[in-house]
Amino acid sequence: MTAANSLATAAEIRAHLIDQFNRALCSPSGFGGEIALHLLINHLLFIERQPEAFAQQRRAWEDSGAFTARGVTGAFRELIPGRNYEEGMASVFAEFAQRRGWLKSERLLTAEAYEALKGSVRQWAGKDRTWPDVTAAFGAPSVLFGGDNPLYGKSLGYLSEDMEQPMVVFHLWNGCAPGTNTWPPEHEQPLLLAVRFGGGLFRQSFTFTPEGERRMPGPDHHHPT
């Protein structure tokens, strides 16, 4: 029988769950996708004695159109092709984590750099861009959702040192043309489809590149299960 004093403390359990949650954000497919993030959030909010906080967030997402019958994943399925919506989904959960003080980042932008990014990025995204274009223009991301393999899609999140400011997220895609199943993809680097930030309606927070407009799933798009 395990002695009581050998068990992890509540603080240790919370730190462990925060670590697991951040790992799941960066590799959502490997951890079980949106369901895994839900479970980790429920555990964390139980420890923090605020179990109602996620229900409140879910209602806000529903009101903005960021949460459908298929969850946040479903909202992205209407905008992003293939399975690249999982990284986008993770970026939305990361914004909740940011507000809770759970999110870990590799880099924070100064207030000046963040304002310059936010002020220029919508116009900058008016042309087709790739992953190297994003990092050349704005530096390494604060959080990388998805691995560093360029053959796969990913999302890049940029955070201000002022944590009250919204994350600016670049959604990138790589894959094969519709109706084909070739591998590796025809593109050496992921293509930027959209930049997302700000409140209000979810769809209106996106600025799509020309490539993003071309690849947006249509109403008859078949989503894999």
C-alpha atoms as a PDB file:
ATOM      1  CA  MET A   1       0.000   0.000   0.000  1.00  0.00           C
ATOM      2  CA  THR A   2       1.370   3.410  -0.955  1.00  0.00           C
ATOM      3  CA  ALA A   3       2.027   5.756   1.933  1.00  0.00           C
ATOM      4  CA  ALA A   4       0.040   8.993   1.768  1.00  0.00           C
ATOM      5  CA  ASN A   5       3.148  11.152   2.053  1.00  0.00           C
ATOM      6  CA  SER A   6       4.583   9.571  -1.112  1.00  0.00           C
ATOM      7  CA  LEU A   7       1.754  10.786  -3.326  1.00  0.00           C
ATOM      8  CA  ALA A   8       2.161  13.824  -5.557  1.00  0.00           C
ATOM      9  CA  THR A   9       0.875  17.102  -4.179  1.00  0.00           C
ATOM     10  CA  ALA A  10      -1.893  19.067  -5.865  1.00  0.00           C
ATOM     11  CA  ALA A  11       0.711  21.568  -7.085  1.00  0.00           C
ATOM     12  CA  GLU A  12       2.816  18.773  -8.579  1.00  0.00           C
ATOM     13  CA  ILE A  13      -0.215  17.246 -10.286  1.00  0.00           C
ATOM     14  CA  ARG A  14      -1.208  20.631 -11.700  1.00  0.00           C
ATOM     15  CA  ALA A  15       2.315  21.240 -13.045  1.00  0.00           C
ATOM     16  CA  HIS A  16       2.336  17.785 -14.632  1.00  0.00           C
ATOM     17  CA  LEU A  17      -1.030  18.327 -16.297  1.00  0.00           C
ATOM     18  CA  ILE A  18       0.036  21.745 -17.601  1.00  0.00           C
ATOM     19  CA  ASP A  19       3.112  20.122 -19.107  1.00  0.00           C
ATOM     20  CA  GLN A  20       0.999  17.392 -20.720  1.00  0.00           C
ATOM     21  CA  PHE A  21      -1.504  19.953 -21.985  1.00  0.00           C
ATOM     22  CA  ASN A  22       1.227  21.992 -23.677  1.00  0.00           C
ATOM     23  CA  ARG A  23       2.662  18.853 -25.273  1.00  0.00           C
ATOM     24  CA  ALA A  24      -0.812  17.982 -26.565  1.00  0.00           C
ATOM     25  CA  LEU A  25      -1.217  21.484 -28.012  1.00  0.00           C
ATOM     26  CA  CYS A  26       2.017  21.160 -29.967  1.00  0.00           C
ATOM     27  CA  SER A  27       1.200  17.658 -31.226  1.00  0.00           C
ATOM     28  CA  PRO A  28      -2.593  17.370 -31.160  1.00  0.00           C
ATOM     29  CA  SER A  29      -2.818  14.339 -33.472  1.00  0.00           C
ATOM     30  CA  GLY A  30      -0.345  12.375 -31.378  1.00  0.00           C
ATOM     31  CA  PHE A  31      -2.297  12.969 -28.163  1.00  0.00           C
ATOM     32  CA  GLY A  32      -5.811  12.249 -29.410  1.00  0.00           C
ATOM     33  CA  GLY A  33      -6.968  15.583 -30.785  1.00  0.00           C
ATOM     34  CA  GLU A  34      -9.702  17.739 -29.324  1.00  0.00           C
ATOM     35  CA  ILE A  35     -11.025  15.073 -26.942  1.00  0.00           C
ATOM     36  CA  ALA A  36      -7.637  14.819 -25.222  1.00  0.00           C
ATOM     37  CA  LEU A  37      -7.504  18.594 -24.762  1.00  0.00           C
ATOM     38  CA  HIS A  38     -11.003  18.548 -23.264  1.00  0.00           C
ATOM     39  CA  LEU A  39      -9.988  15.888 -20.746  1.00  0.00           C
ATOM     40  CA  LEU A  40      -6.815  17.691 -19.705  1.00  0.00           C
ATOM     41  CA  ILE A  41      -8.717  20.958 -19.276  1.00  0.00           C
ATOM     42  CA  ASN A  42     -11.342  19.242 -17.131  1.00  0.00           C
ATOM     43  CA  HIS A  43      -8.633  17.825 -14.863  1.00  0.00           C
ATOM     44  CA  LEU A  44      -6.880  21.170 -14.556  1.00  0.00           C
ATOM     45  CA  LEU A  45     -10.066  23.066 -13.792  1.00  0.00           C
ATOM     46  CA  PHE A  46     -11.001  20.469 -11.171  1.00  0.00           C
ATOM     47  CA  ILE A  47      -7.668  21.077  -9.431  1.00  0.00           C
ATOM     48  CA  GLU A  48      -8.190  24.839  -9.679  1.00  0.00           C
ATOM     49  CA  ARG A  49     -11.752  24.462  -8.339  1.00  0.00           C
ATOM     50  CA  GLN A  50     -13.286  26.229 -11.325  1.00  0.00           C
ATOM     51  CA  PRO A  51     -14.961  23.388 -13.252  1.00  0.00           C
ATOM     52  CA  GLU A  52     -17.504  25.769 -14.773  1.00  0.00           C
ATOM     53  CA  ALA A  53     -14.857  27.846 -16.599  1.00  0.00           C
ATOM     54  CA  PHE A  54     -14.689  25.672 -19.691  1.00  0.00           C
ATOM     55  CA  ALA A  55     -18.472  25.565 -20.116  1.00  0.00           C
ATOM     56  CA  GLN A  56     -18.395  29.359 -20.144  1.00  0.00           C
ATOM     57  CA  GLN A  57     -15.637  29.327 -22.755  1.00  0.00           C
ATOM     58  CA  ARG A  58     -17.527  26.822 -24.881  1.00  0.00           C
ATOM     59  CA  ARG A  59     -20.613  29.048 -24.904  1.00  0.00           C
ATOM     60  CA  ALA A  60     -18.459  31.988 -26.030  1.00  0.00           C
ATOM     61  CA  TRP A  61     -16.986  29.843 -28.816  1.00  0.00           C
ATOM     62  CA  GLU A  62     -20.459  28.746 -29.880  1.00  0.00           C
ATOM     63  CA  ASP A  63     -21.646  32.363 -29.993  1.00  0.00           C
ATOM     64  CA  SER A  64     -18.707  33.369 -32.209  1.00  0.00           C
ATOM     65  CA  GLY A  65     -18.954  30.340 -34.511  1.00  0.00           C
ATOM     66  CA  ALA A  66     -15.699  28.790 -33.271  1.00  0.00           C
ATOM     67  CA  PHE A  67     -17.495  25.726 -31.898  1.00  0.00           C
ATOM     68  CA  THR A  68     -19.870  23.538 -33.926  1.00  0.00           C
ATOM     69  CA  ALA A  69     -21.496  20.136 -33.456  1.00  0.00           C
ATOM     70  CA  ARG A  70     -18.008  18.769 -34.231  1.00  0.00           C
ATOM     71  CA  GLY A  71     -16.326  21.089 -31.768  1.00  0.00           C
ATOM     72  CA  VAL A  72     -13.627  23.609 -32.628  1.00  0.00           C
ATOM     73  CA  THR A  73     -12.332  21.043 -35.112  1.00  0.00           C
ATOM     74  CA  GLY A  74     -15.620  21.343 -36.977  1.00  0.00           C
ATOM     75  CA  ALA A  75     -15.281  25.110 -37.293  1.00  0.00           C
ATOM     76  CA  PHE A  76     -11.863  24.657 -38.905  1.00  0.00           C
ATOM     77  CA  ARG A  77     -13.094  21.917 -41.229  1.00  0.00           C
ATOM     78  CA  GLU A  78     -15.198  24.539 -42.973  1.00  0.00           C
ATOM     79  CA  LEU A  79     -12.152  26.729 -43.653  1.00  0.00           C
ATOM     80  CA  ILE A  80      -8.983  24.616 -43.837  1.00  0.00           C
ATOM     81  CA  PRO A  81      -8.399  21.594 -46.124  1.00  0.00           C
ATOM     82  CA  GLY A  82      -7.326  18.073 -45.203  1.00  0.00           C
ATOM     83  CA  ARG A  83      -6.396  17.304 -41.609  1.00  0.00           C
ATOM     84  CA  ASN A  84      -4.533  20.559 -41.079  1.00  0.00           C
ATOM     85  CA  TYR A  85      -7.450  21.835 -39.013  1.00  0.00           C
ATOM     86  CA  GLU A  86      -6.191  19.925 -35.962  1.00  0.00           C
ATOM     87  CA  GLU A  87      -3.298  22.351 -35.509  1.00  0.00           C
ATOM     88  CA  GLY A  88      -5.689  25.273 -35.934  1.00  0.00           C
ATOM     89  CA  MET A  89      -8.033  23.727 -33.376  1.00  0.00           C
ATOM     90  CA  ALA A  90      -5.122  23.480 -30.932  1.00  0.00           C
ATOM     91  CA  SER A  91      -4.351  27.175 -31.409  1.00  0.00           C
ATOM     92  CA  VAL A  92      -7.870  28.090 -30.240  1.00  0.00           C
ATOM     93  CA  PHE A  93      -7.469  25.942 -27.125  1.00  0.00           C
ATOM     94  CA  ALA A  94      -4.099  27.623 -26.586  1.00  0.00           C
ATOM     95  CA  GLU A  95      -5.829  30.989 -26.385  1.00  0.00           C
ATOM     96  CA  PHE A  96      -7.943  29.652 -23.531  1.00  0.00           C
ATOM     97  CA  ALA A  97      -4.759  28.313 -21.909  1.00  0.00           C
ATOM     98  CA  GLN A  98      -3.122  31.722 -22.357  1.00  0.00           C
ATOM     99  CA  ARG A  99      -5.900  33.371 -20.364  1.00  0.00           C
ATOM    100  CA  ARG A 100      -5.621  30.686 -17.654  1.00  0.00           C
ATOM    101  CA  GLY A 101      -1.855  31.149 -17.333  1.00  0.00           C
ATOM    102  CA  TRP A 102      -1.147  27.599 -18.552  1.00  0.00           C
ATOM    103  CA  LEU A 103       0.406  28.278 -21.934  1.00  0.00           C
ATOM    104  CA  LYS A 104       4.164  27.840 -22.324  1.00  0.00           C
ATOM    105  CA  SER A 105       5.924  29.783 -25.057  1.00  0.00           C
ATOM    106  CA  GLU A 106       9.353  29.852 -26.624  1.00  0.00           C
ATOM    107  CA  ARG A 107       9.349  33.567 -27.330  1.00  0.00           C
ATOM    108  CA  LEU A 108       7.358  36.673 -26.460  1.00  0.00           C
ATOM    109  CA  LEU A 109       7.253  39.717 -28.723  1.00  0.00           C
ATOM    110  CA  THR A 110       7.899  43.129 -27.270  1.00  0.00           C
ATOM    111  CA  ALA A 111       4.906  45.431 -27.292  1.00  0.00           C
ATOM    112  CA  GLU A 112       6.459  47.351 -30.190  1.00  0.00           C
ATOM    113  CA  ALA A 113       7.169  44.222 -32.260  1.00  0.00           C
ATOM    114  CA  TYR A 114       3.701  42.838 -31.564  1.00  0.00           C
ATOM    115  CA  GLU A 115       1.961  46.046 -32.629  1.00  0.00           C
ATOM    116  CA  ALA A 116       4.059  46.142 -35.811  1.00  0.00           C
ATOM    117  CA  LEU A 117       3.070  42.541 -36.572  1.00  0.00           C
ATOM    118  CA  LYS A 118      -0.612  43.104 -35.907  1.00  0.00           C
ATOM    119  CA  GLY A 119      -0.646  46.336 -37.882  1.00  0.00           C
ATOM    120  CA  SER A 120       0.959  44.912 -41.027  1.00  0.00           C
ATOM    121  CA  VAL A 121       0.044  41.253 -41.198  1.00  0.00           C
ATOM    122  CA  ARG A 122      -3.367  41.459 -42.862  1.00  0.00           C
ATOM    123  CA  GLN A 123      -1.965  43.413 -45.792  1.00  0.00           C
ATOM    124  CA  TRP A 124       1.142  41.184 -45.840  1.00  0.00           C
ATOM    125  CA  ALA A 125      -1.092  38.125 -46.189  1.00  0.00           C
ATOM    126  CA  GLY A 126      -2.603  39.549 -49.358  1.00  0.00           C
ATOM    127  CA  LYS A 127       0.061  37.624 -51.302  1.00  0.00           C
ATOM    128  CA  ASP A 128       0.872  33.911 -51.283  1.00  0.00           C
ATOM    129  CA  ARG A 129       3.471  33.029 -48.645  1.00  0.00           C
ATOM    130  CA  THR A 130       5.243  29.957 -47.265  1.00  0.00           C
ATOM    131  CA  TRP A 131       6.506  28.925 -43.822  1.00  0.00           C
ATOM    132  CA  PRO A 132       9.995  30.420 -44.405  1.00  0.00           C
ATOM    133  CA  ASP A 133       8.363  33.676 -45.511  1.00  0.00           C
ATOM    134  CA  VAL A 134       6.514  33.914 -42.189  1.00  0.00           C
ATOM    135  CA  THR A 135       9.574  33.345 -40.024  1.00  0.00           C
ATOM    136  CA  ALA A 136      11.743  35.608 -42.182  1.00  0.00           C
ATOM    137  CA  ALA A 137       9.252  38.441 -41.742  1.00  0.00           C
ATOM    138  CA  PHE A 138       8.240  37.938 -38.113  1.00  0.00           C
ATOM    139  CA  GLY A 139      10.816  35.649 -36.507  1.00  0.00           C
ATOM    140  CA  ALA A 140      10.352  32.333 -34.753  1.00  0.00           C
ATOM    141  CA  PRO A 141       6.865  31.722 -33.346  1.00  0.00           C
ATOM    142  CA  SER A 142       5.990  31.775 -29.681  1.00  0.00           C
ATOM    143  CA  VAL A 143       4.257  28.397 -30.052  1.00  0.00           C
ATOM    144  CA  LEU A 144       4.493  25.865 -32.880  1.00  0.00           C
ATOM    145  CA  PHE A 145       1.346  23.772 -33.258  1.00  0.00           C
ATOM    146  CA  GLY A 146       2.398  20.679 -35.212  1.00  0.00           C
ATOM    147  CA  GLY A 147       5.902  19.346 -35.732  1.00  0.00           C
ATOM    148  CA  ASP A 148       8.777  20.969 -37.559  1.00  0.00           C
ATOM    149  CA  ASN A 149       8.541  18.611 -40.560  1.00  0.00           C
ATOM    150  CA  PRO A 150       7.769  20.823 -43.590  1.00  0.00           C
ATOM    151  CA  LEU A 151       5.814  18.005 -45.264  1.00  0.00           C
ATOM    152  CA  TYR A 152       2.947  18.542 -42.817  1.00  0.00           C
ATOM    153  CA  GLY A 153       0.667  21.462 -42.048  1.00  0.00           C
ATOM    154  CA  LYS A 154       1.054  23.488 -38.874  1.00  0.00           C
ATOM    155  CA  SER A 155       0.022  26.684 -37.147  1.00  0.00           C
ATOM    156  CA  LEU A 156       2.391  29.335 -35.796  1.00  0.00           C
ATOM    157  CA  GLY A 157       1.289  31.397 -32.806  1.00  0.00           C
ATOM    158  CA  TYR A 158       2.818  34.778 -31.913  1.00  0.00           C
ATOM    159  CA  LEU A 159       2.333  36.201 -28.425  1.00  0.00           C
ATOM    160  CA  SER A 160       2.939  39.626 -26.986  1.00  0.00           C
ATOM    161  CA  GLU A 161       4.716  40.079 -23.662  1.00  0.00           C
ATOM    162  CA  ASP A 162       1.431  41.754 -22.712  1.00  0.00           C
ATOM    163  CA  MET A 163      -0.593  38.575 -22.185  1.00  0.00           C
ATOM    164  CA  GLU A 164      -3.859  40.499 -22.465  1.00  0.00           C
ATOM    165  CA  GLN A 165      -3.231  40.828 -26.208  1.00  0.00           C
ATOM    166  CA  PRO A 166      -4.639  38.145 -28.528  1.00  0.00           C
ATOM    167  CA  MET A 167      -2.408  35.578 -30.163  1.00  0.00           C
ATOM    168  CA  VAL A 168      -1.701  36.107 -33.865  1.00  0.00           C
ATOM    169  CA  VAL A 169      -1.873  32.724 -35.603  1.00  0.00           C
ATOM    170  CA  PHE A 170      -0.586  31.728 -39.047  1.00  0.00           C
ATOM    171  CA  HIS A 171      -2.303  28.642 -40.477  1.00  0.00           C
ATOM    172  CA  LEU A 172      -0.170  26.685 -42.961  1.00  0.00           C
ATOM    173  CA  TRP A 173      -1.053  23.727 -45.175  1.00  0.00           C
ATOM    174  CA  ASN A 174       0.826  21.015 -47.013  1.00  0.00           C
ATOM    175  CA  GLY A 175      -0.659  18.010 -48.745  1.00  0.00           C
ATOM    176  CA  CYS A 176      -1.757  16.608 -52.069  1.00  0.00           C
ATOM    177  CA  ALA A 177      -4.189  17.958 -54.629  1.00  0.00           C
ATOM    178  CA  PRO A 178      -7.894  17.088 -54.222  1.00  0.00           C
ATOM    179  CA  GLY A 179      -8.668  13.616 -55.483  1.00  0.00           C
ATOM    180  CA  THR A 180      -5.062  12.419 -55.239  1.00  0.00           C
ATOM    181  CA  ASN A 181      -3.137  10.601 -52.544  1.00  0.00           C
ATOM    182  CA  THR A 182       0.479  11.207 -53.536  1.00  0.00           C
ATOM    183  CA  TRP A 183       3.331  11.319 -51.064  1.00  0.00           C
ATOM    184  CA  PRO A 184       5.407  13.239 -50.411  1.00  0.00           C
ATOM    185  CA  PRO A 185       3.400  16.414 -51.075  1.00  0.00           C
ATOM    186  CA  GLU A 186       4.208  18.471 -54.147  1.00  0.00           C
ATOM    187  CA  HIS A 187       5.295  21.432 -51.993  1.00  0.00           C
ATOM    188  CA  GLU A 188       8.674  21.569 -50.264  1.00  0.00           C
ATOM    189  CA  GLN A 189       7.340  24.016 -47.676  1.00  0.00           C
ATOM    190  CA  PRO A 190       3.868  24.485 -46.132  1.00  0.00           C
ATOM    191  CA  LEU A 191       1.776  27.181 -47.791  1.00  0.00           C
ATOM    192  CA  LEU A 192       0.227  29.958 -45.728  1.00  0.00           C
ATOM    193  CA  LEU A 193      -3.559  29.805 -45.986  1.00  0.00           C
ATOM    194  CA  ALA A 194      -4.672  32.362 -43.424  1.00  0.00           C
ATOM    195  CA  VAL A 195      -3.769  34.640 -40.546  1.00  0.00           C
ATOM    196  CA  ARG A 196      -6.145  34.776 -37.593  1.00  0.00           C
ATOM    197  CA  PHE A 197      -6.458  37.104 -34.614  1.00  0.00           C
ATOM    198  CA  GLY A 198      -8.946  39.241 -32.773  1.00  0.00           C
ATOM    199  CA  GLY A 199     -12.343  38.790 -31.209  1.00  0.00           C
ATOM    200  CA  GLY A 200     -15.818  38.899 -32.690  1.00  0.00           C
ATOM    201  CA  LEU A 201     -17.100  36.336 -35.149  1.00  0.00           C
ATOM    202  CA  PHE A 202     -14.691  33.473 -35.759  1.00  0.00           C
ATOM    203  CA  ARG A 203     -14.877  33.596 -39.550  1.00  0.00           C
ATOM    204  CA  GLN A 204     -14.184  37.322 -39.586  1.00  0.00           C
ATOM    205  CA  SER A 205     -10.976  36.892 -37.583  1.00  0.00           C
ATOM    206  CA  PHE A 206      -9.380  35.188 -40.618  1.00  0.00           C
ATOM    207  CA  THR A 207      -7.488  36.929 -43.385  1.00  0.00           C
ATOM    208  CA  PHE A 208      -6.983  34.433 -46.199  1.00  0.00           C
ATOM    209  CA  THR A 209      -4.127  34.475 -48.667  1.00  0.00           C
ATOM    210  CA  PRO A 210      -5.004  33.903 -52.334  1.00  0.00           C
ATOM    211  CA  GLU A 211      -3.903  30.261 -51.825  1.00  0.00           C
ATOM    212  CA  GLY A 212      -6.168  29.993 -48.804  1.00  0.00           C
ATOM    213  CA  GLU A 213      -9.126  31.267 -50.800  1.00  0.00           C
ATOM    214  CA  ARG A 214      -8.419  28.732 -53.545  1.00  0.00           C
ATOM    215  CA  ARG A 215      -8.138  25.810 -51.149  1.00  0.00           C
ATOM    216  CA  MET A 216     -11.031  26.621 -48.839  1.00  0.00           C
ATOM    217  CA  PRO A 217     -13.286  23.554 -48.589  1.00  0.00           C
ATOM    218  CA  GLY A 218     -16.521  23.968 -50.511  1.00  0.00           C
ATOM    219  CA  PRO A 219     -20.026  23.147 -49.220  1.00  0.00           C
ATOM    220  CA  ASP A 220     -19.827  19.701 -50.814  1.00  0.00           C
ATOM    221  CA  HIS A 221     -16.357  18.984 -49.387  1.00  0.00           C
ATOM    222  CA  HIS A 222     -16.132  15.488 -47.908  1.00  0.00           C
ATOM    223  CA  HIS A 223     -14.515  15.470 -44.485  1.00  0.00           C
ATOM    224  CA  PRO A 224     -12.722  12.288 -43.480  1.00  0.00           C
ATOM    225  CA  THR A 225     -13.883  10.634 -40.292  1.00  0.00           C
END
